[in-house]
Amino acid sequence: MYEQSLIIWQQIGDRQREGVTLNNISQIYDAKGDYDTALRFLEQSLAIRQQIGDRKGEGVTLNNISQIYYAKGDYDTALRFWNKVSP
């Protein structure tokens, strides 16, 4: 379902919803424990959200990236991303 939504948002050029959908897809991979794939989707989401100036979405994505690194046991990187959310 999310993959179909992603294609539609890309086709119509809705960058905001594209960023949201990429973030949502990442959460599925996170729940499955596929952290590397989750991070790839989050990096794409973050780039879009930064491009369009979606500060709230950027914060959500940075928080999710931080949580992935925490789950991977990479606490230094998790903290680095967390500090970007709440400087």
PDB file of N, CA and C in Angstrom:
ATOM      1  N   MET A   1       0.814  -1.191   0.000  1.00  0.00           N
ATOM      2  CA  MET A   1       0.000   0.000   0.000  1.00  0.00           C
ATOM      3  C   MET A   1       0.863   1.263   0.000  1.00  0.00           C
ATOM      4  N   TYR A   2       1.850   1.313   0.894  1.00  0.00           N
ATOM      5  CA  TYR A   2       2.701   2.498   0.934  1.00  0.00           C
ATOM      6  C   TYR A   2       3.491   2.664  -0.357  1.00  0.00           C
ATOM      7  N   GLU A   3       3.916   1.550  -0.942  1.00  0.00           N
ATOM      8  CA  GLU A   3       4.691   1.633  -2.170  1.00  0.00           C
ATOM      9  C   GLU A   3       3.856   2.246  -3.287  1.00  0.00           C
ATOM     10  N   GLN A   4       2.571   1.875  -3.358  1.00  0.00           N
ATOM     11  CA  GLN A   4       1.681   2.451  -4.364  1.00  0.00           C
ATOM     12  C   GLN A   4       1.480   3.939  -4.112  1.00  0.00           C
ATOM     13  N   SER A   5       1.306   4.293  -2.857  1.00  0.00           N
ATOM     14  CA  SER A   5       1.155   5.706  -2.504  1.00  0.00           C
ATOM     15  C   SER A   5       2.391   6.493  -2.898  1.00  0.00           C
ATOM     16  N   LEU A   6       3.555   5.919  -2.641  1.00  0.00           N
ATOM     17  CA  LEU A   6       4.806   6.592  -2.962  1.00  0.00           C
ATOM     18  C   LEU A   6       4.888   6.895  -4.452  1.00  0.00           C
ATOM     19  N   ILE A   7       4.526   5.933  -5.272  1.00  0.00           N
ATOM     20  CA  ILE A   7       4.562   6.133  -6.724  1.00  0.00           C
ATOM     21  C   ILE A   7       3.620   7.262  -7.133  1.00  0.00           C
ATOM     22  N   ILE A   8       2.439   7.285  -6.559  1.00  0.00           N
ATOM     23  CA  ILE A   8       1.470   8.337  -6.898  1.00  0.00           C
ATOM     24  C   ILE A   8       1.997   9.705  -6.503  1.00  0.00           C
ATOM     25  N   TRP A   9       2.515   9.830  -5.271  1.00  0.00           N
ATOM     26  CA  TRP A   9       3.024  11.133  -4.811  1.00  0.00           C
ATOM     27  C   TRP A   9       4.177  11.598  -5.695  1.00  0.00           C
ATOM     28  N   GLN A  10       5.026  10.665  -6.111  1.00  0.00           N
ATOM     29  CA  GLN A  10       6.139  11.023  -6.988  1.00  0.00           C
ATOM     30  C   GLN A  10       5.631  11.470  -8.353  1.00  0.00           C
ATOM     31  N   GLN A  11       4.629  10.779  -8.872  1.00  0.00           N
ATOM     32  CA  GLN A  11       4.094  11.118 -10.190  1.00  0.00           C
ATOM     33  C   GLN A  11       3.446  12.492 -10.210  1.00  0.00           C
ATOM     34  N   ILE A  12       2.751  12.849  -9.133  1.00  0.00           N
ATOM     35  CA  ILE A  12       2.070  14.145  -9.117  1.00  0.00           C
ATOM     36  C   ILE A  12       2.931  15.247  -8.499  1.00  0.00           C
ATOM     37  N   GLY A  13       4.107  14.884  -8.036  1.00  0.00           N
ATOM     38  CA  GLY A  13       5.034  15.879  -7.509  1.00  0.00           C
ATOM     39  C   GLY A  13       4.699  16.391  -6.123  1.00  0.00           C
ATOM     40  N   ASP A  14       4.009  15.605  -5.325  1.00  0.00           N
ATOM     41  CA  ASP A  14       3.670  16.010  -3.955  1.00  0.00           C
ATOM     42  C   ASP A  14       4.815  15.592  -3.031  1.00  0.00           C
ATOM     43  N   ARG A  15       5.787  16.479  -2.896  1.00  0.00           N
ATOM     44  CA  ARG A  15       6.994  16.176  -2.137  1.00  0.00           C
ATOM     45  C   ARG A  15       6.707  15.979  -0.648  1.00  0.00           C
ATOM     46  N   GLN A  16       5.760  16.729  -0.112  1.00  0.00           N
ATOM     47  CA  GLN A  16       5.458  16.609   1.314  1.00  0.00           C
ATOM     48  C   GLN A  16       4.942  15.207   1.627  1.00  0.00           C
ATOM     49  N   ARG A  17       3.985  14.747   0.854  1.00  0.00           N
ATOM     50  CA  ARG A  17       3.438  13.407   1.100  1.00  0.00           C
ATOM     51  C   ARG A  17       4.444  12.318   0.740  1.00  0.00           C
ATOM     52  N   GLU A  18       5.300  12.595  -0.216  1.00  0.00           N
ATOM     53  CA  GLU A  18       6.368  11.644  -0.539  1.00  0.00           C
ATOM     54  C   GLU A  18       7.279  11.449   0.671  1.00  0.00           C
ATOM     55  N   GLY A  19       7.646  12.550   1.322  1.00  0.00           N
ATOM     56  CA  GLY A  19       8.485  12.470   2.518  1.00  0.00           C
ATOM     57  C   GLY A  19       7.816  11.709   3.647  1.00  0.00           C
ATOM     58  N   VAL A  20       6.527  11.963   3.840  1.00  0.00           N
ATOM     59  CA  VAL A  20       5.767  11.259   4.881  1.00  0.00           C
ATOM     60  C   VAL A  20       5.722   9.762   4.579  1.00  0.00           C
ATOM     61  N   THR A  21       5.454   9.427   3.333  1.00  0.00           N
ATOM     62  CA  THR A  21       5.328   8.019   2.954  1.00  0.00           C
ATOM     63  C   THR A  21       6.649   7.281   3.100  1.00  0.00           C
ATOM     64  N   LEU A  22       7.739   7.916   2.713  1.00  0.00           N
ATOM     65  CA  LEU A  22       9.056   7.292   2.896  1.00  0.00           C
ATOM     66  C   LEU A  22       9.311   7.020   4.377  1.00  0.00           C
ATOM     67  N   ASN A  23       8.942   7.978   5.215  1.00  0.00           N
ATOM     68  CA  ASN A  23       9.091   7.789   6.658  1.00  0.00           C
ATOM     69  C   ASN A  23       8.237   6.612   7.132  1.00  0.00           C
ATOM     70  N   ASN A  24       7.007   6.528   6.643  1.00  0.00           N
ATOM     71  CA  ASN A  24       6.117   5.437   7.046  1.00  0.00           C
ATOM     72  C   ASN A  24       6.653   4.076   6.603  1.00  0.00           C
ATOM     73  N   ILE A  25       7.179   4.015   5.396  1.00  0.00           N
ATOM     74  CA  ILE A  25       7.760   2.758   4.915  1.00  0.00           C
ATOM     75  C   ILE A  25       8.918   2.343   5.820  1.00  0.00           C
ATOM     76  N   SER A  26       9.699   3.308   6.245  1.00  0.00           N
ATOM     77  CA  SER A  26      10.841   2.990   7.117  1.00  0.00           C
ATOM     78  C   SER A  26      10.393   2.318   8.406  1.00  0.00           C
ATOM     79  N   GLN A  27       9.235   2.710   8.903  1.00  0.00           N
ATOM     80  CA  GLN A  27       8.751   2.153  10.161  1.00  0.00           C
ATOM     81  C   GLN A  27       8.390   0.674  10.029  1.00  0.00           C
ATOM     82  N   ILE A  28       7.976   0.268   8.845  1.00  0.00           N
ATOM     83  CA  ILE A  28       7.695  -1.154   8.602  1.00  0.00           C
ATOM     84  C   ILE A  28       8.990  -1.954   8.691  1.00  0.00           C
ATOM     85  N   TYR A  29      10.036  -1.440   8.046  1.00  0.00           N
ATOM     86  CA  TYR A  29      11.323  -2.141   8.092  1.00  0.00           C
ATOM     87  C   TYR A  29      11.915  -2.118   9.500  1.00  0.00           C
ATOM     88  N   ASP A  30      11.703  -1.027  10.218  1.00  0.00           N
ATOM     89  CA  ASP A  30      12.154  -0.951  11.609  1.00  0.00           C
ATOM     90  C   ASP A  30      11.482  -2.047  12.434  1.00  0.00           C
ATOM     91  N   ALA A  31      10.177  -2.190  12.282  1.00  0.00           N
ATOM     92  CA  ALA A  31       9.436  -3.201  13.041  1.00  0.00           C
ATOM     93  C   ALA A  31       9.898  -4.619  12.711  1.00  0.00           C
ATOM     94  N   LYS A  32      10.376  -4.814  11.488  1.00  0.00           N
ATOM     95  CA  LYS A  32      10.878  -6.127  11.072  1.00  0.00           C
ATOM     96  C   LYS A  32      12.329  -6.341  11.490  1.00  0.00           C
ATOM     97  N   GLY A  33      12.959  -5.295  12.045  1.00  0.00           N
ATOM     98  CA  GLY A  33      14.355  -5.404  12.452  1.00  0.00           C
ATOM     99  C   GLY A  33      15.336  -5.204  11.315  1.00  0.00           C
ATOM    100  N   ASP A  34      14.862  -4.743  10.169  1.00  0.00           N
ATOM    101  CA  ASP A  34      15.717  -4.470   9.006  1.00  0.00           C
ATOM    102  C   ASP A  34      16.127  -2.996   9.065  1.00  0.00           C
ATOM    103  N   TYR A  35      17.052  -2.717   9.963  1.00  0.00           N
ATOM    104  CA  TYR A  35      17.416  -1.337  10.263  1.00  0.00           C
ATOM    105  C   TYR A  35      18.120  -0.631   9.111  1.00  0.00           C
ATOM    106  N   ASP A  36      18.919  -1.343   8.357  1.00  0.00           N
ATOM    107  CA  ASP A  36      19.626  -0.705   7.247  1.00  0.00           C
ATOM    108  C   ASP A  36      18.657  -0.222   6.174  1.00  0.00           C
ATOM    109  N   THR A  37      17.663  -1.036   5.869  1.00  0.00           N
ATOM    110  CA  THR A  37      16.660  -0.611   4.889  1.00  0.00           C
ATOM    111  C   THR A  37      15.840   0.543   5.444  1.00  0.00           C
ATOM    112  N   ALA A  38      15.486   0.464   6.712  1.00  0.00           N
ATOM    113  CA  ALA A  38      14.746   1.559   7.346  1.00  0.00           C
ATOM    114  C   ALA A  38      15.530   2.861   7.242  1.00  0.00           C
ATOM    115  N   LEU A  39      16.826   2.799   7.488  1.00  0.00           N
ATOM    116  CA  LEU A  39      17.656   4.003   7.396  1.00  0.00           C
ATOM    117  C   LEU A  39      17.700   4.559   5.982  1.00  0.00           C
ATOM    118  N   ARG A  40      17.724   3.698   4.985  1.00  0.00           N
ATOM    119  CA  ARG A  40      17.734   4.185   3.596  1.00  0.00           C
ATOM    120  C   ARG A  40      16.469   4.991   3.293  1.00  0.00           C
ATOM    121  N   PHE A  41      15.333   4.498   3.749  1.00  0.00           N
ATOM    122  CA  PHE A  41      14.088   5.236   3.530  1.00  0.00           C
ATOM    123  C   PHE A  41      14.063   6.529   4.344  1.00  0.00           C
ATOM    124  N   LEU A  42      14.582   6.483   5.559  1.00  0.00           N
ATOM    125  CA  LEU A  42      14.618   7.688   6.389  1.00  0.00           C
ATOM    126  C   LEU A  42      15.538   8.751   5.804  1.00  0.00           C
ATOM    127  N   GLU A  43      16.650   8.342   5.238  1.00  0.00           N
ATOM    128  CA  GLU A  43      17.562   9.310   4.618  1.00  0.00           C
ATOM    129  C   GLU A  43      16.892  10.008   3.440  1.00  0.00           C
ATOM    130  N   GLN A  44      16.121   9.257   2.659  1.00  0.00           N
ATOM    131  CA  GLN A  44      15.388   9.862   1.543  1.00  0.00           C
ATOM    132  C   GLN A  44      14.324  10.830   2.061  1.00  0.00           C
ATOM    133  N   SER A  45      13.614  10.404   3.095  1.00  0.00           N
ATOM    134  CA  SER A  45      12.591  11.251   3.693  1.00  0.00           C
ATOM    135  C   SER A  45      13.197  12.537   4.240  1.00  0.00           C
ATOM    136  N   LEU A  46      14.309  12.408   4.933  1.00  0.00           N
ATOM    137  CA  LEU A  46      14.967  13.577   5.517  1.00  0.00           C
ATOM    138  C   LEU A  46      15.393  14.566   4.441  1.00  0.00           C
ATOM    139  N   ALA A  47      15.964  14.069   3.361  1.00  0.00           N
ATOM    140  CA  ALA A  47      16.413  14.952   2.277  1.00  0.00           C
ATOM    141  C   ALA A  47      15.241  15.747   1.703  1.00  0.00           C
ATOM    142  N   ILE A  48      14.129  15.089   1.489  1.00  0.00           N
ATOM    143  CA  ILE A  48      12.952  15.770   0.941  1.00  0.00           C
ATOM    144  C   ILE A  48      12.424  16.791   1.933  1.00  0.00           C
ATOM    145  N   ARG A  49      12.301  16.399   3.176  1.00  0.00           N
ATOM    146  CA  ARG A  49      11.747  17.300   4.185  1.00  0.00           C
ATOM    147  C   ARG A  49      12.635  18.525   4.384  1.00  0.00           C
ATOM    148  N   GLN A  50      13.930  18.355   4.276  1.00  0.00           N
ATOM    149  CA  GLN A  50      14.828  19.505   4.365  1.00  0.00           C
ATOM    150  C   GLN A  50      14.688  20.394   3.134  1.00  0.00           C
ATOM    151  N   GLN A  51      14.570  19.786   1.958  1.00  0.00           N
ATOM    152  CA  GLN A  51      14.424  20.554   0.715  1.00  0.00           C
ATOM    153  C   GLN A  51      13.191  21.439   0.728  1.00  0.00           C
ATOM    154  N   ILE A  52      12.087  20.909   1.245  1.00  0.00           N
ATOM    155  CA  ILE A  52      10.830  21.660   1.191  1.00  0.00           C
ATOM    156  C   ILE A  52      10.593  22.504   2.442  1.00  0.00           C
ATOM    157  N   GLY A  53      11.503  22.440   3.393  1.00  0.00           N
ATOM    158  CA  GLY A  53      11.383  23.251   4.599  1.00  0.00           C
ATOM    159  C   GLY A  53      10.350  22.743   5.591  1.00  0.00           C
ATOM    160  N   ASP A  54      10.114  21.451   5.596  1.00  0.00           N
ATOM    161  CA  ASP A  54       9.164  20.832   6.528  1.00  0.00           C
ATOM    162  C   ASP A  54       9.886  20.557   7.849  1.00  0.00           C
ATOM    163  N   ARG A  55       9.928  21.569   8.707  1.00  0.00           N
ATOM    164  CA  ARG A  55      10.691  21.465   9.955  1.00  0.00           C
ATOM    165  C   ARG A  55      10.110  20.410  10.900  1.00  0.00           C
ATOM    166  N   LYS A  56       8.797  20.344  10.995  1.00  0.00           N
ATOM    167  CA  LYS A  56       8.180  19.338  11.865  1.00  0.00           C
ATOM    168  C   LYS A  56       8.503  17.935  11.353  1.00  0.00           C
ATOM    169  N   GLY A  57       8.325  17.723  10.064  1.00  0.00           N
ATOM    170  CA  GLY A  57       8.631  16.425   9.472  1.00  0.00           C
ATOM    171  C   GLY A  57      10.098  16.075   9.591  1.00  0.00           C
ATOM    172  N   GLU A  58      10.945  17.079   9.461  1.00  0.00           N
ATOM    173  CA  GLU A  58      12.386  16.867   9.622  1.00  0.00           C
ATOM    174  C   GLU A  58      12.690  16.376  11.039  1.00  0.00           C
ATOM    175  N   GLY A  59      12.048  16.992  12.028  1.00  0.00           N
ATOM    176  CA  GLY A  59      12.248  16.571  13.413  1.00  0.00           C
ATOM    177  C   GLY A  59      11.786  15.143  13.656  1.00  0.00           C
ATOM    178  N   VAL A  60      10.637  14.790  13.082  1.00  0.00           N
ATOM    179  CA  VAL A  60      10.121  13.422  13.216  1.00  0.00           C
ATOM    180  C   VAL A  60      11.107  12.431  12.611  1.00  0.00           C
ATOM    181  N   THR A  61      11.605  12.753  11.430  1.00  0.00           N
ATOM    182  CA  THR A  61      12.521  11.846  10.740  1.00  0.00           C
ATOM    183  C   THR A  61      13.848  11.734  11.480  1.00  0.00           C
ATOM    184  N   LEU A  62      14.377  12.843  11.965  1.00  0.00           N
ATOM    185  CA  LEU A  62      15.621  12.793  12.736  1.00  0.00           C
ATOM    186  C   LEU A  62      15.446  11.946  13.992  1.00  0.00           C
ATOM    187  N   ASN A  63      14.304  12.088  14.646  1.00  0.00           N
ATOM    188  CA  ASN A  63      14.017  11.272  15.823  1.00  0.00           C
ATOM    189  C   ASN A  63      13.980   9.790  15.458  1.00  0.00           C
ATOM    190  N   ASN A  64      13.341   9.465  14.342  1.00  0.00           N
ATOM    191  CA  ASN A  64      13.267   8.066  13.916  1.00  0.00           C
ATOM    192  C   ASN A  64      14.643   7.518  13.559  1.00  0.00           C
ATOM    193  N   ILE A  65      15.474   8.331  12.936  1.00  0.00           N
ATOM    194  CA  ILE A  65      16.847   7.904  12.632  1.00  0.00           C
ATOM    195  C   ILE A  65      17.589   7.619  13.934  1.00  0.00           C
ATOM    196  N   SER A  66      17.427   8.503  14.908  1.00  0.00           N
ATOM    197  CA  SER A  66      18.061   8.313  16.208  1.00  0.00           C
ATOM    198  C   SER A  66      17.626   6.991  16.842  1.00  0.00           C
ATOM    199  N   GLN A  67      16.343   6.689  16.767  1.00  0.00           N
ATOM    200  CA  GLN A  67      15.831   5.448  17.355  1.00  0.00           C
ATOM    201  C   GLN A  67      16.393   4.210  16.660  1.00  0.00           C
ATOM    202  N   ILE A  68      16.584   4.291  15.352  1.00  0.00           N
ATOM    203  CA  ILE A  68      17.152   3.156  14.612  1.00  0.00           C
ATOM    204  C   ILE A  68      18.587   2.902  15.077  1.00  0.00           C
ATOM    205  N   TYR A  69      19.371   3.968  15.161  1.00  0.00           N
ATOM    206  CA  TYR A  69      20.758   3.788  15.603  1.00  0.00           C
ATOM    207  C   TYR A  69      20.813   3.269  17.043  1.00  0.00           C
ATOM    208  N   TYR A  70      19.888   3.716  17.868  1.00  0.00           N
ATOM    209  CA  TYR A  70      19.821   3.208  19.240  1.00  0.00           C
ATOM    210  C   TYR A  70      19.531   1.704  19.230  1.00  0.00           C
ATOM    211  N   ALA A  71      18.572   1.293  18.407  1.00  0.00           N
ATOM    212  CA  ALA A  71      18.227  -0.132  18.312  1.00  0.00           C
ATOM    213  C   ALA A  71      19.399  -0.961  17.802  1.00  0.00           C
ATOM    214  N   LYS A  72      20.235  -0.348  16.961  1.00  0.00           N
ATOM    215  CA  LYS A  72      21.410  -1.042  16.434  1.00  0.00           C
ATOM    216  C   LYS A  72      22.551  -1.078  17.449  1.00  0.00           C
ATOM    217  N   GLY A  73      22.393  -0.351  18.554  1.00  0.00           N
ATOM    218  CA  GLY A  73      23.438  -0.307  19.570  1.00  0.00           C
ATOM    219  C   GLY A  73      24.500   0.739  19.298  1.00  0.00           C
ATOM    220  N   ASP A  74      24.265   1.605  18.318  1.00  0.00           N
ATOM    221  CA  ASP A  74      25.203   2.677  17.978  1.00  0.00           C
ATOM    222  C   ASP A  74      24.748   3.941  18.710  1.00  0.00           C
ATOM    223  N   TYR A  75      25.056   3.983  19.994  1.00  0.00           N
ATOM    224  CA  TYR A  75      24.531   5.033  20.862  1.00  0.00           C
ATOM    225  C   TYR A  75      25.106   6.412  20.554  1.00  0.00           C
ATOM    226  N   ASP A  76      26.356   6.480  20.133  1.00  0.00           N
ATOM    227  CA  ASP A  76      26.949   7.777  19.798  1.00  0.00           C
ATOM    228  C   ASP A  76      26.238   8.418  18.610  1.00  0.00           C
ATOM    229  N   THR A  77      25.982   7.618  17.582  1.00  0.00           N
ATOM    230  CA  THR A  77      25.286   8.149  16.410  1.00  0.00           C
ATOM    231  C   THR A  77      23.843   8.480  16.759  1.00  0.00           C
ATOM    232  N   ALA A  78      23.216   7.647  17.572  1.00  0.00           N
ATOM    233  CA  ALA A  78      21.845   7.924  18.014  1.00  0.00           C
ATOM    234  C   ALA A  78      21.783   9.268  18.728  1.00  0.00           C
ATOM    235  N   LEU A  79      22.733   9.511  19.608  1.00  0.00           N
ATOM    236  CA  LEU A  79      22.770  10.771  20.344  1.00  0.00           C
ATOM    237  C   LEU A  79      23.025  11.952  19.414  1.00  0.00           C
ATOM    238  N   ARG A  80      23.886  11.757  18.431  1.00  0.00           N
ATOM    239  CA  ARG A  80      24.173  12.831  17.467  1.00  0.00           C
ATOM    240  C   ARG A  80      22.899  13.247  16.728  1.00  0.00           C
ATOM    241  N   PHE A  81      22.111  12.271  16.283  1.00  0.00           N
ATOM    242  CA  PHE A  81      20.867  12.603  15.590  1.00  0.00           C
ATOM    243  C   PHE A  81      19.834  13.169  16.558  1.00  0.00           C
ATOM    244  N   TRP A  82      19.793  12.656  17.764  1.00  0.00           N
ATOM    245  CA  TRP A  82      18.857  13.180  18.760  1.00  0.00           C
ATOM    246  C   TRP A  82      19.159  14.646  19.058  1.00  0.00           C
ATOM    247  N   ASN A  83      20.428  14.991  19.134  1.00  0.00           N
ATOM    248  CA  ASN A  83      20.807  16.379  19.400  1.00  0.00           C
ATOM    249  C   ASN A  83      20.403  17.315  18.269  1.00  0.00           C
ATOM    250  N   LYS A  84      20.250  16.790  17.070  1.00  0.00           N
ATOM    251  CA  LYS A  84      19.762  17.616  15.958  1.00  0.00           C
ATOM    252  C   LYS A  84      18.276  17.917  16.125  1.00  0.00           C
ATOM    253  N   VAL A  85      17.569  17.027  16.819  1.00  0.00           N
ATOM    254  CA  VAL A  85      16.142  17.228  17.059  1.00  0.00           C
ATOM    255  C   VAL A  85      15.939  18.258  18.155  1.00  0.00           C
ATOM    256  N   SER A  86      16.712  18.154  19.212  1.00  0.00           N
ATOM    257  CA  SER A  86      16.547  19.051  20.357  1.00  0.00           C
ATOM    258  C   SER A  86      17.894  19.652  20.737  1.00  0.00           C
ATOM    259  N   PRO A  87      18.295  20.679  19.975  1.00  0.00           N
ATOM    260  CA  PRO A  87      19.616  21.294  20.233  1.00  0.00           C
ATOM    261  C   PRO A  87      19.682  22.027  21.565  1.00  0.00           C
TER     262      PRO A  87
END
